[in-house]
Amino acid sequence: MRTLLFIAFLCTSLLANDKVSLQLKWKYQFQFAGFIVAKEKGFYRDAGLDVDILEFDDSVDALSDVLNGKTTFALGDSSLVQSSMNGSGVVAMMAIFQESLYALMVLESSGINLLEAMN
């Protein structure tokens, strides 16, 4: 994880900008632990970066802030693909796939064993 986080911020250090910011897409929670722990343990500092991790704020438009240079990085979702296709200038540095904890349950007696069977 340390290596991935370092690589994610390496491009910024190559631009000789050692102050960077990362806008989270939600409140502090476990899925962001890698970023938070890396900062707390000094991994970014050791790489010459001063990272400011910004907690979610519903008044902030993360995409606009990155495009306007107010924020260096932001975590987003699949809507960024559409934004990129529409010429916004969004560039994905890395994609992280997670499995959702959500599950759909039905009774065995329903006979439904595929989502398509619910139509």
PDB file of N, CA and C in Angstrom:
ATOM      1  N   MET A   1       0.826  -1.181   0.000  1.00  0.00           N
ATOM      2  CA  MET A   1       0.000   0.000   0.000  1.00  0.00           C
ATOM      3  C   MET A   1       0.877   1.254   0.000  1.00  0.00           C
ATOM      4  N   ARG A   2       1.943   1.229   0.772  1.00  0.00           N
ATOM      5  CA  ARG A   2       2.854   2.366   0.851  1.00  0.00           C
ATOM      6  C   ARG A   2       3.399   2.717  -0.530  1.00  0.00           C
ATOM      7  N   THR A   3       3.769   1.697  -1.298  1.00  0.00           N
ATOM      8  CA  THR A   3       4.314   1.921  -2.634  1.00  0.00           C
ATOM      9  C   THR A   3       3.273   2.537  -3.552  1.00  0.00           C
ATOM     10  N   LEU A   4       2.039   2.028  -3.495  1.00  0.00           N
ATOM     11  CA  LEU A   4       0.978   2.573  -4.347  1.00  0.00           C
ATOM     12  C   LEU A   4       0.703   4.029  -4.026  1.00  0.00           C
ATOM     13  N   LEU A   5       0.668   4.358  -2.744  1.00  0.00           N
ATOM     14  CA  LEU A   5       0.409   5.735  -2.366  1.00  0.00           C
ATOM     15  C   LEU A   5       1.548   6.646  -2.793  1.00  0.00           C
ATOM     16  N   PHE A   6       2.756   6.152  -2.665  1.00  0.00           N
ATOM     17  CA  PHE A   6       3.908   6.939  -3.100  1.00  0.00           C
ATOM     18  C   PHE A   6       3.843   7.206  -4.600  1.00  0.00           C
ATOM     19  N   ILE A   7       3.540   6.184  -5.370  1.00  0.00           N
ATOM     20  CA  ILE A   7       3.450   6.340  -6.827  1.00  0.00           C
ATOM     21  C   ILE A   7       2.347   7.326  -7.195  1.00  0.00           C
ATOM     22  N   ALA A   8       1.233   7.262  -6.466  1.00  0.00           N
ATOM     23  CA  ALA A   8       0.111   8.148  -6.771  1.00  0.00           C
ATOM     24  C   ALA A   8       0.490   9.613  -6.630  1.00  0.00           C
ATOM     25  N   PHE A   9       1.365   9.913  -5.689  1.00  0.00           N
ATOM     26  CA  PHE A   9       1.753  11.302  -5.480  1.00  0.00           C
ATOM     27  C   PHE A   9       3.080  11.669  -6.133  1.00  0.00           C
ATOM     28  N   LEU A  10       3.752  10.713  -6.742  1.00  0.00           N
ATOM     29  CA  LEU A  10       5.050  10.953  -7.357  1.00  0.00           C
ATOM     30  C   LEU A  10       4.979  11.999  -8.458  1.00  0.00           C
ATOM     31  N   CYS A  11       3.940  11.950  -9.260  1.00  0.00           N
ATOM     32  CA  CYS A  11       3.826  12.901 -10.369  1.00  0.00           C
ATOM     33  C   CYS A  11       3.854  14.335  -9.871  1.00  0.00           C
ATOM     34  N   THR A  12       3.237  14.579  -8.741  1.00  0.00           N
ATOM     35  CA  THR A  12       3.234  15.933  -8.198  1.00  0.00           C
ATOM     36  C   THR A  12       4.633  16.358  -7.794  1.00  0.00           C
ATOM     37  N   SER A  13       5.387  15.455  -7.193  1.00  0.00           N
ATOM     38  CA  SER A  13       6.741  15.822  -6.783  1.00  0.00           C
ATOM     39  C   SER A  13       7.619  16.096  -7.994  1.00  0.00           C
ATOM     40  N   LEU A  14       7.330  15.441  -9.102  1.00  0.00           N
ATOM     41  CA  LEU A  14       8.097  15.696 -10.321  1.00  0.00           C
ATOM     42  C   LEU A  14       7.837  17.095 -10.859  1.00  0.00           C
ATOM     43  N   LEU A  15       6.706  17.653 -10.507  1.00  0.00           N
ATOM     44  CA  LEU A  15       6.381  19.011 -10.927  1.00  0.00           C
ATOM     45  C   LEU A  15       6.961  20.043  -9.967  1.00  0.00           C
ATOM     46  N   ALA A  16       7.768  19.586  -9.019  1.00  0.00           N
ATOM     47  CA  ALA A  16       8.419  20.449  -8.026  1.00  0.00           C
ATOM     48  C   ALA A  16       7.400  21.177  -7.171  1.00  0.00           C
ATOM     49  N   ASN A  17       6.298  20.549  -6.901  1.00  0.00           N
ATOM     50  CA  ASN A  17       5.258  21.118  -6.046  1.00  0.00           C
ATOM     51  C   ASN A  17       5.104  20.179  -4.872  1.00  0.00           C
ATOM     52  N   ASP A  18       5.765  20.498  -3.751  1.00  0.00           N
ATOM     53  CA  ASP A  18       5.759  19.552  -2.645  1.00  0.00           C
ATOM     54  C   ASP A  18       4.546  19.681  -1.740  1.00  0.00           C
ATOM     55  N   LYS A  19       3.661  20.646  -1.973  1.00  0.00           N
ATOM     56  CA  LYS A  19       2.429  20.790  -1.217  1.00  0.00           C
ATOM     57  C   LYS A  19       1.291  20.287  -2.089  1.00  0.00           C
ATOM     58  N   VAL A  20       0.641  19.195  -1.679  1.00  0.00           N
ATOM     59  CA  VAL A  20      -0.465  18.632  -2.448  1.00  0.00           C
ATOM     60  C   VAL A  20      -1.660  18.414  -1.543  1.00  0.00           C
ATOM     61  N   SER A  21      -2.828  18.325  -2.160  1.00  0.00           N
ATOM     62  CA  SER A  21      -4.046  18.071  -1.400  1.00  0.00           C
ATOM     63  C   SER A  21      -4.812  16.923  -2.040  1.00  0.00           C
ATOM     64  N   LEU A  22      -5.507  16.195  -1.198  1.00  0.00           N
ATOM     65  CA  LEU A  22      -6.311  15.058  -1.629  1.00  0.00           C
ATOM     66  C   LEU A  22      -7.707  15.212  -1.059  1.00  0.00           C
ATOM     67  N   GLN A  23      -8.695  15.373  -1.938  1.00  0.00           N
ATOM     68  CA  GLN A  23     -10.093  15.499  -1.517  1.00  0.00           C
ATOM     69  C   GLN A  23     -10.718  14.112  -1.444  1.00  0.00           C
ATOM     70  N   LEU A  24     -11.155  13.727  -0.258  1.00  0.00           N
ATOM     71  CA  LEU A  24     -11.832  12.440  -0.089  1.00  0.00           C
ATOM     72  C   LEU A  24     -13.255  12.544  -0.606  1.00  0.00           C
ATOM     73  N   LYS A  25     -13.831  11.413  -0.981  1.00  0.00           N
ATOM     74  CA  LYS A  25     -15.196  11.452  -1.499  1.00  0.00           C
ATOM     75  C   LYS A  25     -16.239  11.155  -0.427  1.00  0.00           C
ATOM     76  N   TRP A  26     -15.800  11.051   0.813  1.00  0.00           N
ATOM     77  CA  TRP A  26     -16.728  10.864   1.924  1.00  0.00           C
ATOM     78  C   TRP A  26     -16.022  11.224   3.217  1.00  0.00           C
ATOM     79  N   LYS A  27     -16.740  11.116   4.320  1.00  0.00           N
ATOM     80  CA  LYS A  27     -16.155  11.391   5.638  1.00  0.00           C
ATOM     81  C   LYS A  27     -15.055  10.369   5.919  1.00  0.00           C
ATOM     82  N   TYR A  28     -14.197  10.700   6.881  1.00  0.00           N
ATOM     83  CA  TYR A  28     -13.141   9.758   7.250  1.00  0.00           C
ATOM     84  C   TYR A  28     -13.750   8.415   7.622  1.00  0.00           C
ATOM     85  N   GLN A  29     -13.277   7.366   6.972  1.00  0.00           N
ATOM     86  CA  GLN A  29     -13.726   6.019   7.275  1.00  0.00           C
ATOM     87  C   GLN A  29     -12.661   5.039   6.810  1.00  0.00           C
ATOM     88  N   PHE A  30     -12.908   3.758   7.058  1.00  0.00           N
ATOM     89  CA  PHE A  30     -11.882   2.748   6.851  1.00  0.00           C
ATOM     90  C   PHE A  30     -11.338   2.711   5.424  1.00  0.00           C
ATOM     91  N   GLN A  31     -12.164   2.949   4.420  1.00  0.00           N
ATOM     92  CA  GLN A  31     -11.680   2.844   3.044  1.00  0.00           C
ATOM     93  C   GLN A  31     -10.589   3.863   2.722  1.00  0.00           C
ATOM     94  N   PHE A  32     -10.436   4.896   3.540  1.00  0.00           N
ATOM     95  CA  PHE A  32      -9.401   5.901   3.329  1.00  0.00           C
ATOM     96  C   PHE A  32      -8.228   5.723   4.289  1.00  0.00           C
ATOM     97  N   ALA A  33      -8.231   4.639   5.031  1.00  0.00           N
ATOM     98  CA  ALA A  33      -7.209   4.412   6.052  1.00  0.00           C
ATOM     99  C   ALA A  33      -5.801   4.433   5.464  1.00  0.00           C
ATOM    100  N   GLY A  34      -5.612   3.908   4.273  1.00  0.00           N
ATOM    101  CA  GLY A  34      -4.285   3.881   3.658  1.00  0.00           C
ATOM    102  C   GLY A  34      -3.703   5.270   3.487  1.00  0.00           C
ATOM    103  N   PHE A  35      -4.526   6.207   3.021  1.00  0.00           N
ATOM    104  CA  PHE A  35      -4.063   7.582   2.848  1.00  0.00           C
ATOM    105  C   PHE A  35      -3.752   8.230   4.197  1.00  0.00           C
ATOM    106  N   ILE A  36      -4.644   8.025   5.151  1.00  0.00           N
ATOM    107  CA  ILE A  36      -4.509   8.661   6.459  1.00  0.00           C
ATOM    108  C   ILE A  36      -3.308   8.102   7.221  1.00  0.00           C
ATOM    109  N   VAL A  37      -3.167   6.789   7.235  1.00  0.00           N
ATOM    110  CA  VAL A  37      -2.050   6.161   7.941  1.00  0.00           C
ATOM    111  C   VAL A  37      -0.724   6.533   7.289  1.00  0.00           C
ATOM    112  N   ALA A  38      -0.685   6.591   5.961  1.00  0.00           N
ATOM    113  CA  ALA A  38       0.548   6.976   5.268  1.00  0.00           C
ATOM    114  C   ALA A  38       0.986   8.373   5.695  1.00  0.00           C
ATOM    115  N   LYS A  39       0.025   9.267   5.868  1.00  0.00           N
ATOM    116  CA  LYS A  39       0.373  10.615   6.321  1.00  0.00           C
ATOM    117  C   LYS A  39       0.856  10.573   7.773  1.00  0.00           C
ATOM    118  N   GLU A  40       0.107   9.877   8.630  1.00  0.00           N
ATOM    119  CA  GLU A  40       0.461   9.813  10.053  1.00  0.00           C
ATOM    120  C   GLU A  40       1.825   9.174  10.276  1.00  0.00           C
ATOM    121  N   LYS A  41       2.175   8.186   9.486  1.00  0.00           N
ATOM    122  CA  LYS A  41       3.463   7.506   9.635  1.00  0.00           C
ATOM    123  C   LYS A  41       4.607   8.257   8.944  1.00  0.00           C
ATOM    124  N   GLY A  42       4.284   9.321   8.236  1.00  0.00           N
ATOM    125  CA  GLY A  42       5.320  10.149   7.630  1.00  0.00           C
ATOM    126  C   GLY A  42       5.809   9.667   6.275  1.00  0.00           C
ATOM    127  N   PHE A  43       5.087   8.734   5.622  1.00  0.00           N
ATOM    128  CA  PHE A  43       5.527   8.227   4.326  1.00  0.00           C
ATOM    129  C   PHE A  43       5.565   9.337   3.278  1.00  0.00           C
ATOM    130  N   TYR A  44       4.563  10.202   3.272  1.00  0.00           N
ATOM    131  CA  TYR A  44       4.549  11.302   2.305  1.00  0.00           C
ATOM    132  C   TYR A  44       5.679  12.283   2.608  1.00  0.00           C
ATOM    133  N   ARG A  45       5.832  12.616   3.879  1.00  0.00           N
ATOM    134  CA  ARG A  45       6.897  13.539   4.285  1.00  0.00           C
ATOM    135  C   ARG A  45       8.259  13.001   3.860  1.00  0.00           C
ATOM    136  N   ASP A  46       8.471  11.686   4.063  1.00  0.00           N
ATOM    137  CA  ASP A  46       9.734  11.065   3.670  1.00  0.00           C
ATOM    138  C   ASP A  46       9.977  11.165   2.167  1.00  0.00           C
ATOM    139  N   ALA A  47       8.892  11.251   1.401  1.00  0.00           N
ATOM    140  CA  ALA A  47       9.008  11.386  -0.049  1.00  0.00           C
ATOM    141  C   ALA A  47       9.093  12.849  -0.463  1.00  0.00           C
ATOM    142  N   GLY A  48       9.133  13.754   0.525  1.00  0.00           N
ATOM    143  CA  GLY A  48       9.246  15.173   0.221  1.00  0.00           C
ATOM    144  C   GLY A  48       7.930  15.853  -0.073  1.00  0.00           C
ATOM    145  N   LEU A  49       6.831  15.246   0.369  1.00  0.00           N
ATOM    146  CA  LEU A  49       5.509  15.801   0.088  1.00  0.00           C
ATOM    147  C   LEU A  49       4.800  16.233   1.365  1.00  0.00           C
ATOM    148  N   ASP A  50       4.142  17.355   1.285  1.00  0.00           N
ATOM    149  CA  ASP A  50       3.296  17.834   2.369  1.00  0.00           C
ATOM    150  C   ASP A  50       1.860  17.636   1.903  1.00  0.00           C
ATOM    151  N   VAL A  51       1.230  16.572   2.377  1.00  0.00           N
ATOM    152  CA  VAL A  51      -0.097  16.188   1.892  1.00  0.00           C
ATOM    153  C   VAL A  51      -1.173  16.670   2.854  1.00  0.00           C
ATOM    154  N   ASP A  52      -2.144  17.366   2.315  1.00  0.00           N
ATOM    155  CA  ASP A  52      -3.302  17.821   3.077  1.00  0.00           C
ATOM    156  C   ASP A  52      -4.492  16.954   2.647  1.00  0.00           C
ATOM    157  N   ILE A  53      -5.010  16.155   3.565  1.00  0.00           N
ATOM    158  CA  ILE A  53      -6.153  15.285   3.265  1.00  0.00           C
ATOM    159  C   ILE A  53      -7.419  16.017   3.670  1.00  0.00           C
ATOM    160  N   LEU A  54      -8.296  16.226   2.711  1.00  0.00           N
ATOM    161  CA  LEU A  54      -9.515  16.994   2.916  1.00  0.00           C
ATOM    162  C   LEU A  54     -10.727  16.066   3.041  1.00  0.00           C
ATOM    163  N   GLU A  55     -11.393  16.157   4.174  1.00  0.00           N
ATOM    164  CA  GLU A  55     -12.592  15.344   4.391  1.00  0.00           C
ATOM    165  C   GLU A  55     -13.733  15.854   3.493  1.00  0.00           C
ATOM    166  N   PHE A  56     -14.649  14.976   3.167  1.00  0.00           N
ATOM    167  CA  PHE A  56     -15.807  15.315   2.333  1.00  0.00           C
ATOM    168  C   PHE A  56     -16.552  16.519   2.892  1.00  0.00           C
ATOM    169  N   ASP A  57     -16.968  17.366   1.983  1.00  0.00           N
ATOM    170  CA  ASP A  57     -17.798  18.522   2.311  1.00  0.00           C
ATOM    171  C   ASP A  57     -18.785  18.643   1.153  1.00  0.00           C
ATOM    172  N   ASP A  58     -20.077  18.544   1.454  1.00  0.00           N
ATOM    173  CA  ASP A  58     -21.059  18.513   0.364  1.00  0.00           C
ATOM    174  C   ASP A  58     -21.155  19.828  -0.402  1.00  0.00           C
ATOM    175  N   SER A  59     -20.518  20.880   0.082  1.00  0.00           N
ATOM    176  CA  SER A  59     -20.511  22.141  -0.668  1.00  0.00           C
ATOM    177  C   SER A  59     -19.345  22.214  -1.655  1.00  0.00           C
ATOM    178  N   VAL A  60     -18.482  21.201  -1.643  1.00  0.00           N
ATOM    179  CA  VAL A  60     -17.300  21.174  -2.511  1.00  0.00           C
ATOM    180  C   VAL A  60     -17.583  20.339  -3.755  1.00  0.00           C
ATOM    181  N   ASP A  61     -17.260  20.880  -4.909  1.00  0.00           N
ATOM    182  CA  ASP A  61     -17.328  20.128  -6.161  1.00  0.00           C
ATOM    183  C   ASP A  61     -15.902  19.671  -6.455  1.00  0.00           C
ATOM    184  N   ALA A  62     -15.602  18.430  -6.068  1.00  0.00           N
ATOM    185  CA  ALA A  62     -14.233  17.916  -6.154  1.00  0.00           C
ATOM    186  C   ALA A  62     -13.685  17.980  -7.578  1.00  0.00           C
ATOM    187  N   LEU A  63     -14.490  17.631  -8.558  1.00  0.00           N
ATOM    188  CA  LEU A  63     -14.038  17.656  -9.948  1.00  0.00           C
ATOM    189  C   LEU A  63     -13.639  19.065 -10.360  1.00  0.00           C
ATOM    190  N   SER A  64     -14.480  20.025 -10.080  1.00  0.00           N
ATOM    191  CA  SER A  64     -14.171  21.419 -10.428  1.00  0.00           C
ATOM    192  C   SER A  64     -12.931  21.908  -9.701  1.00  0.00           C
ATOM    193  N   ASP A  65     -12.801  21.528  -8.425  1.00  0.00           N
ATOM    194  CA  ASP A  65     -11.635  21.967  -7.655  1.00  0.00           C
ATOM    195  C   ASP A  65     -10.336  21.424  -8.238  1.00  0.00           C
ATOM    196  N   VAL A  66     -10.347  20.186  -8.719  1.00  0.00           N
ATOM    197  CA  VAL A  66      -9.143  19.628  -9.345  1.00  0.00           C
ATOM    198  C   VAL A  66      -8.879  20.323 -10.681  1.00  0.00           C
ATOM    199  N   LEU A  67      -9.915  20.471 -11.482  1.00  0.00           N
ATOM    200  CA  LEU A  67      -9.742  21.100 -12.791  1.00  0.00           C
ATOM    201  C   LEU A  67      -9.291  22.556 -12.688  1.00  0.00           C
ATOM    202  N   ASN A  68      -9.690  23.236 -11.614  1.00  0.00           N
ATOM    203  CA  ASN A  68      -9.310  24.634 -11.417  1.00  0.00           C
ATOM    204  C   ASN A  68      -8.025  24.798 -10.607  1.00  0.00           C
ATOM    205  N   GLY A  69      -7.427  23.677 -10.198  1.00  0.00           N
ATOM    206  CA  GLY A  69      -6.170  23.740  -9.471  1.00  0.00           C
ATOM    207  C   GLY A  69      -6.300  24.026  -7.985  1.00  0.00           C
ATOM    208  N   LYS A  70      -7.520  24.090  -7.472  1.00  0.00           N
ATOM    209  CA  LYS A  70      -7.715  24.336  -6.043  1.00  0.00           C
ATOM    210  C   LYS A  70      -7.307  23.120  -5.214  1.00  0.00           C
ATOM    211  N   THR A  71      -7.531  21.930  -5.766  1.00  0.00           N
ATOM    212  CA  THR A  71      -7.148  20.675  -5.135  1.00  0.00           C
ATOM    213  C   THR A  71      -6.259  19.925  -6.125  1.00  0.00           C
ATOM    214  N   THR A  72      -5.258  19.208  -5.606  1.00  0.00           N
ATOM    215  CA  THR A  72      -4.343  18.483  -6.483  1.00  0.00           C
ATOM    216  C   THR A  72      -4.948  17.174  -6.955  1.00  0.00           C
ATOM    217  N   PHE A  73      -5.512  16.409  -6.015  1.00  0.00           N
ATOM    218  CA  PHE A  73      -6.112  15.107  -6.317  1.00  0.00           C
ATOM    219  C   PHE A  73      -7.468  15.015  -5.645  1.00  0.00           C
ATOM    220  N   ALA A  74      -8.332  14.180  -6.216  1.00  0.00           N
ATOM    221  CA  ALA A  74      -9.618  13.905  -5.580  1.00  0.00           C
ATOM    222  C   ALA A  74     -10.006  12.473  -5.910  1.00  0.00           C
ATOM    223  N   LEU A  75     -10.679  11.859  -4.974  1.00  0.00           N
ATOM    224  CA  LEU A  75     -11.206  10.523  -5.216  1.00  0.00           C
ATOM    225  C   LEU A  75     -12.592  10.686  -5.814  1.00  0.00           C
ATOM    226  N   GLY A  76     -12.879   9.886  -6.823  1.00  0.00           N
ATOM    227  CA  GLY A  76     -14.164  10.003  -7.486  1.00  0.00           C
ATOM    228  C   GLY A  76     -14.772   8.646  -7.742  1.00  0.00           C
ATOM    229  N   ASP A  77     -15.735   8.640  -8.634  1.00  0.00           N
ATOM    230  CA  ASP A  77     -16.411   7.388  -8.974  1.00  0.00           C
ATOM    231  C   ASP A  77     -16.500   7.264 -10.492  1.00  0.00           C
ATOM    232  N   SER A  78     -17.337   6.370 -10.947  1.00  0.00           N
ATOM    233  CA  SER A  78     -17.406   6.088 -12.378  1.00  0.00           C
ATOM    234  C   SER A  78     -17.885   7.278 -13.209  1.00  0.00           C
ATOM    235  N   SER A  79     -18.466   8.287 -12.593  1.00  0.00           N
ATOM    236  CA  SER A  79     -18.898   9.468 -13.342  1.00  0.00           C
ATOM    237  C   SER A  79     -17.704  10.202 -13.967  1.00  0.00           C
ATOM    238  N   LEU A  80     -16.510   9.952 -13.441  1.00  0.00           N
ATOM    239  CA  LEU A  80     -15.315  10.580 -14.010  1.00  0.00           C
ATOM    240  C   LEU A  80     -15.031  10.080 -15.416  1.00  0.00           C
ATOM    241  N   VAL A  81     -15.432   8.852 -15.722  1.00  0.00           N
ATOM    242  CA  VAL A  81     -15.249   8.320 -17.082  1.00  0.00           C
ATOM    243  C   VAL A  81     -16.062   9.170 -18.055  1.00  0.00           C
ATOM    244  N   GLN A  82     -17.309   9.451 -17.694  1.00  0.00           N
ATOM    245  CA  GLN A  82     -18.165  10.277 -18.553  1.00  0.00           C
ATOM    246  C   GLN A  82     -17.597  11.689 -18.680  1.00  0.00           C
ATOM    247  N   SER A  83     -17.119  12.240 -17.580  1.00  0.00           N
ATOM    248  CA  SER A  83     -16.525  13.580 -17.622  1.00  0.00           C
ATOM    249  C   SER A  83     -15.334  13.610 -18.560  1.00  0.00           C
ATOM    250  N   SER A  84     -14.503  12.578 -18.497  1.00  0.00           N
ATOM    251  CA  SER A  84     -13.342  12.504 -19.377  1.00  0.00           C
ATOM    252  C   SER A  84     -13.766  12.392 -20.835  1.00  0.00           C
ATOM    253  N   MET A  85     -14.777  11.564 -21.090  1.00  0.00           N
ATOM    254  CA  MET A  85     -15.271  11.392 -22.459  1.00  0.00           C
ATOM    255  C   MET A  85     -15.869  12.687 -23.011  1.00  0.00           C
ATOM    256  N   ASN A  86     -16.360  13.542 -22.099  1.00  0.00           N
ATOM    257  CA  ASN A  86     -16.939  14.823 -22.518  1.00  0.00           C
ATOM    258  C   ASN A  86     -15.889  15.918 -22.637  1.00  0.00           C
ATOM    259  N   GLY A  87     -14.611  15.538 -22.509  1.00  0.00           N
ATOM    260  CA  GLY A  87     -13.532  16.488 -22.715  1.00  0.00           C
ATOM    261  C   GLY A  87     -13.200  17.376 -21.539  1.00  0.00           C
ATOM    262  N   SER A  88     -13.506  16.944 -20.319  1.00  0.00           N
ATOM    263  CA  SER A  88     -13.263  17.781 -19.142  1.00  0.00           C
ATOM    264  C   SER A  88     -11.785  17.948 -18.814  1.00  0.00           C
ATOM    265  N   GLY A  89     -10.942  17.059 -19.315  1.00  0.00           N
ATOM    266  CA  GLY A  89      -9.529  17.106 -18.963  1.00  0.00           C
ATOM    267  C   GLY A  89      -9.174  16.194 -17.814  1.00  0.00           C
ATOM    268  N   VAL A  90     -10.124  15.410 -17.343  1.00  0.00           N
ATOM    269  CA  VAL A  90      -9.882  14.477 -16.242  1.00  0.00           C
ATOM    270  C   VAL A  90      -8.960  13.373 -16.722  1.00  0.00           C
ATOM    271  N   VAL A  91      -7.962  13.073 -15.912  1.00  0.00           N
ATOM    272  CA  VAL A  91      -7.048  11.975 -16.197  1.00  0.00           C
ATOM    273  C   VAL A  91      -7.042  11.058 -14.990  1.00  0.00           C
ATOM    274  N   ALA A  92      -7.266   9.787 -15.199  1.00  0.00           N
ATOM    275  CA  ALA A  92      -7.231   8.823 -14.099  1.00  0.00           C
ATOM    276  C   ALA A  92      -5.812   8.326 -13.917  1.00  0.00           C
ATOM    277  N   MET A  93      -5.286   8.463 -12.722  1.00  0.00           N
ATOM    278  CA  MET A  93      -3.946   7.971 -12.439  1.00  0.00           C
ATOM    279  C   MET A  93      -3.975   6.503 -12.060  1.00  0.00           C
ATOM    280  N   MET A  94      -4.993   6.127 -11.311  1.00  0.00           N
ATOM    281  CA  MET A  94      -5.085   4.733 -10.918  1.00  0.00           C
ATOM    282  C   MET A  94      -6.532   4.433 -10.577  1.00  0.00           C
ATOM    283  N   ALA A  95      -6.906   3.235 -10.828  1.00  0.00           N
ATOM    284  CA  ALA A  95      -8.252   2.786 -10.493  1.00  0.00           C
ATOM    285  C   ALA A  95      -8.153   1.769  -9.376  1.00  0.00           C
ATOM    286  N   ILE A  96      -8.999   1.933  -8.391  1.00  0.00           N
ATOM    287  CA  ILE A  96      -9.048   1.006  -7.265  1.00  0.00           C
ATOM    288  C   ILE A  96     -10.432   0.392  -7.269  1.00  0.00           C
ATOM    289  N   PHE A  97     -10.481  -0.897  -7.327  1.00  0.00           N
ATOM    290  CA  PHE A  97     -11.761  -1.584  -7.319  1.00  0.00           C
ATOM    291  C   PHE A  97     -12.016  -2.161  -5.942  1.00  0.00           C
ATOM    292  N   GLN A  98     -13.220  -1.952  -5.456  1.00  0.00           N
ATOM    293  CA  GLN A  98     -13.611  -2.488  -4.162  1.00  0.00           C
ATOM    294  C   GLN A  98     -14.874  -3.300  -4.344  1.00  0.00           C
ATOM    295  N   GLU A  99     -15.026  -4.267  -3.498  1.00  0.00           N
ATOM    296  CA  GLU A  99     -16.272  -5.009  -3.496  1.00  0.00           C
ATOM    297  C   GLU A  99     -17.200  -4.371  -2.481  1.00  0.00           C
ATOM    298  N   SER A 100     -18.416  -4.192  -2.871  1.00  0.00           N
ATOM    299  CA  SER A 100     -19.401  -3.598  -1.989  1.00  0.00           C
ATOM    300  C   SER A 100     -19.845  -4.612  -0.942  1.00  0.00           C
ATOM    301  N   LEU A 101     -20.163  -4.110   0.217  1.00  0.00           N
ATOM    302  CA  LEU A 101     -20.661  -4.973   1.286  1.00  0.00           C
ATOM    303  C   LEU A 101     -22.163  -5.212   1.154  1.00  0.00           C
ATOM    304  N   TYR A 102     -22.782  -4.582   0.185  1.00  0.00           N
ATOM    305  CA  TYR A 102     -24.215  -4.767   0.004  1.00  0.00           C
ATOM    306  C   TYR A 102     -24.508  -6.139  -0.587  1.00  0.00           C
ATOM    307  N   ALA A 103     -25.625  -6.690  -0.200  1.00  0.00           N
ATOM    308  CA  ALA A 103     -26.033  -7.986  -0.718  1.00  0.00           C
ATOM    309  C   ALA A 103     -27.546  -7.962  -0.928  1.00  0.00           C
ATOM    310  N   LEU A 104     -27.988  -8.673  -1.907  1.00  0.00           N
ATOM    311  CA  LEU A 104     -29.412  -8.825  -2.167  1.00  0.00           C
ATOM    312  C   LEU A 104     -29.798 -10.238  -1.782  1.00  0.00           C
ATOM    313  N   MET A 105     -30.789 -10.354  -0.922  1.00  0.00           N
ATOM    314  CA  MET A 105     -31.200 -11.684  -0.465  1.00  0.00           C
ATOM    315  C   MET A 105     -32.665 -11.908  -0.792  1.00  0.00           C
ATOM    316  N   VAL A 106     -32.960 -13.103  -1.202  1.00  0.00           N
ATOM    317  CA  VAL A 106     -34.339 -13.521  -1.436  1.00  0.00           C
ATOM    318  C   VAL A 106     -34.510 -14.924  -0.869  1.00  0.00           C
ATOM    319  N   LEU A 107     -35.755 -15.284  -0.645  1.00  0.00           N
ATOM    320  CA  LEU A 107     -36.023 -16.633  -0.166  1.00  0.00           C
ATOM    321  C   LEU A 107     -35.755 -17.646  -1.272  1.00  0.00           C
ATOM    322  N   GLU A 108     -35.227 -18.781  -0.916  1.00  0.00           N
ATOM    323  CA  GLU A 108     -34.978 -19.830  -1.902  1.00  0.00           C
ATOM    324  C   GLU A 108     -36.261 -20.206  -2.625  1.00  0.00           C
ATOM    325  N   SER A 109     -37.375 -20.158  -1.914  1.00  0.00           N
ATOM    326  CA  SER A 109     -38.663 -20.525  -2.502  1.00  0.00           C
ATOM    327  C   SER A 109     -39.134 -19.553  -3.579  1.00  0.00           C
ATOM    328  N   SER A 110     -38.507 -18.362  -3.693  1.00  0.00           N
ATOM    329  CA  SER A 110     -38.916 -17.387  -4.704  1.00  0.00           C
ATOM    330  C   SER A 110     -38.528 -17.836  -6.109  1.00  0.00           C
ATOM    331  N   GLY A 111     -37.524 -18.718  -6.195  1.00  0.00           N
ATOM    332  CA  GLY A 111     -37.054 -19.164  -7.490  1.00  0.00           C
ATOM    333  C   GLY A 111     -36.137 -18.158  -8.177  1.00  0.00           C
ATOM    334  N   ILE A 112     -35.851 -17.043  -7.531  1.00  0.00           N
ATOM    335  CA  ILE A 112     -34.976 -16.015  -8.109  1.00  0.00           C
ATOM    336  C   ILE A 112     -33.539 -16.356  -7.755  1.00  0.00           C
ATOM    337  N   ASN A 113     -32.711 -16.588  -8.786  1.00  0.00           N
ATOM    338  CA  ASN A 113     -31.293 -16.841  -8.535  1.00  0.00           C
ATOM    339  C   ASN A 113     -30.394 -15.942  -9.381  1.00  0.00           C
ATOM    340  N   LEU A 114     -31.007 -15.069 -10.176  1.00  0.00           N
ATOM    341  CA  LEU A 114     -30.286 -14.068 -10.963  1.00  0.00           C
ATOM    342  C   LEU A 114     -31.069 -12.762 -10.903  1.00  0.00           C
ATOM    343  N   LEU A 115     -30.372 -11.632 -10.975  1.00  0.00           N
ATOM    344  CA  LEU A 115     -31.073 -10.337 -10.975  1.00  0.00           C
ATOM    345  C   LEU A 115     -32.047 -10.248 -12.149  1.00  0.00           C
ATOM    346  N   GLU A 116     -31.669 -10.819 -13.279  1.00  0.00           N
ATOM    347  CA  GLU A 116     -32.523 -10.763 -14.468  1.00  0.00           C
ATOM    348  C   GLU A 116     -33.863 -11.464 -14.238  1.00  0.00           C
ATOM    349  N   ALA A 117     -33.902 -12.393 -13.305  1.00  0.00           N
ATOM    350  CA  ALA A 117     -35.126 -13.138 -13.034  1.00  0.00           C
ATOM    351  C   ALA A 117     -36.138 -12.304 -12.283  1.00  0.00           C
ATOM    352  N   MET A 118     -35.761 -11.121 -11.838  1.00  0.00           N
ATOM    353  CA  MET A 118     -36.682 -10.283 -11.068  1.00  0.00           C
ATOM    354  C   MET A 118     -37.619  -9.479 -11.945  1.00  0.00           C
ATOM    355  N   ASN A 119     -37.418  -9.495 -13.253  1.00  0.00           N
ATOM    356  CA  ASN A 119     -38.299  -8.712 -14.151  1.00  0.00           C
ATOM    357  C   ASN A 119     -39.665  -9.305 -14.225  1.00  0.00           C
TER     358      ASN A 119
END
